[in-house]
């Protein structure tokens, strides 16, 4: 059985001040959202509390980042860009 409960939409992309992580269905308990830099450093981590999660990114420098959604079954990573 394939498990797409971790799939999410990431927008706006590119962004300046915030990014939304919207799950297609309610994320499993203990699903975390991380922001990871290009060199693999985790700079942000929070529990996904609902289908819609807004993350403030205005403090981050412009560049390419990754959003990673992780739970016990799987993890999914998507790329996003922060503009100046």
Protein backbone atom coordinates (compact mmCIF):
# COMPACT_ATOMS: atom_id res chain seq x y z
CA UNK A 1 0.00 0.00 0.00
CA UNK A 2 1.50 3.31 -0.97
CA UNK A 3 1.37 6.05 1.65
CA UNK A 4 0.86 9.61 0.43
CA UNK A 5 -0.22 11.03 3.79
CA UNK A 6 3.04 12.96 3.92
CA UNK A 7 2.54 14.72 0.56
CA UNK A 8 2.25 18.50 0.70
CA UNK A 9 1.98 21.64 -1.42
CA UNK A 10 4.67 24.26 -0.93
CA UNK A 11 3.85 27.87 -1.86
CA UNK A 12 4.56 30.63 -2.68
CA UNK A 13 7.74 29.49 -4.39
CA UNK A 14 9.87 31.54 -4.77
CA UNK A 15 9.03 33.49 -1.61
CA UNK A 16 10.24 36.51 0.35
CA UNK A 17 8.61 36.47 3.78
CA UNK A 18 6.77 33.18 4.41
CA UNK A 19 6.10 29.75 2.96
CA UNK A 20 3.00 27.57 3.35
CA UNK A 21 3.21 23.81 3.81
CA UNK A 22 -0.26 22.42 3.05
CA UNK A 23 -0.84 18.70 3.51
CA UNK A 24 -3.34 16.90 1.27
CA UNK A 25 -4.73 15.20 4.38
CA UNK A 26 -4.17 15.65 8.11
CA UNK A 27 -0.54 14.72 8.87
CA UNK A 28 0.14 11.80 11.18
CA UNK A 29 1.01 12.52 14.80
CA UNK A 30 4.71 13.30 15.23
CA UNK A 31 5.10 14.62 11.66
CA UNK A 32 7.82 17.27 11.68
CA UNK A 33 8.60 20.01 9.17
CA UNK A 34 12.24 21.03 8.74
CA UNK A 35 13.99 23.71 6.72
CA UNK A 36 17.37 22.53 5.48
CA UNK A 37 20.10 24.60 3.83
CA UNK A 38 21.89 23.59 0.62
CA UNK A 39 24.78 22.22 2.70
CA UNK A 40 22.45 19.95 4.69
CA UNK A 41 22.14 21.93 7.92
CA UNK A 42 18.72 21.88 9.61
CA UNK A 43 17.91 25.48 10.57
CA UNK A 44 14.23 25.15 11.50
CA UNK A 45 12.07 22.38 12.93
CA UNK A 46 8.47 22.23 14.10
CA UNK A 47 5.65 19.74 14.51
CA UNK A 48 3.01 19.79 11.78
CA UNK A 49 -0.12 20.69 13.71
CA UNK A 50 -2.72 20.84 10.94
CA UNK A 51 -3.15 20.54 7.19
CA UNK A 52 -2.00 24.17 6.80
CA UNK A 53 1.34 25.30 8.26
CA UNK A 54 2.74 28.79 7.65
CA UNK A 55 6.46 29.28 8.24
CA UNK A 56 8.05 32.71 8.58
CA UNK A 57 11.11 32.89 6.33
CA UNK A 58 11.81 36.64 6.34
CA UNK A 59 14.83 36.20 8.67
CA UNK A 60 16.54 33.78 6.26
CA UNK A 61 19.03 35.01 3.67
CA UNK A 62 18.12 34.69 -0.01
CA UNK A 63 19.00 31.32 -1.51
CA UNK A 64 17.86 27.76 -2.12
CA UNK A 65 16.41 25.74 0.76
CA UNK A 66 14.60 22.47 1.26
CA UNK A 67 11.45 21.71 3.24
CA UNK A 68 11.41 18.18 4.62
CA UNK A 69 8.33 16.53 6.08
CA UNK A 70 9.13 13.51 8.24
CA UNK A 71 7.05 10.93 10.10
CA UNK A 72 7.59 7.31 11.14
CA UNK A 73 6.47 5.95 7.76
CA UNK A 74 8.29 8.21 5.31
CA UNK A 75 9.91 11.52 4.54
CA UNK A 76 9.38 13.89 1.61
CA UNK A 77 11.62 16.79 0.61
CA UNK A 78 10.83 19.71 -1.69
CA UNK A 79 13.01 22.63 -2.82
CA UNK A 80 12.08 26.28 -2.42
CA UNK A 81 13.77 29.60 -3.13
CA UNK A 82 13.92 32.74 -1.02
CA UNK A 83 14.30 35.94 -3.05
CA UNK A 84 15.79 39.19 -1.78
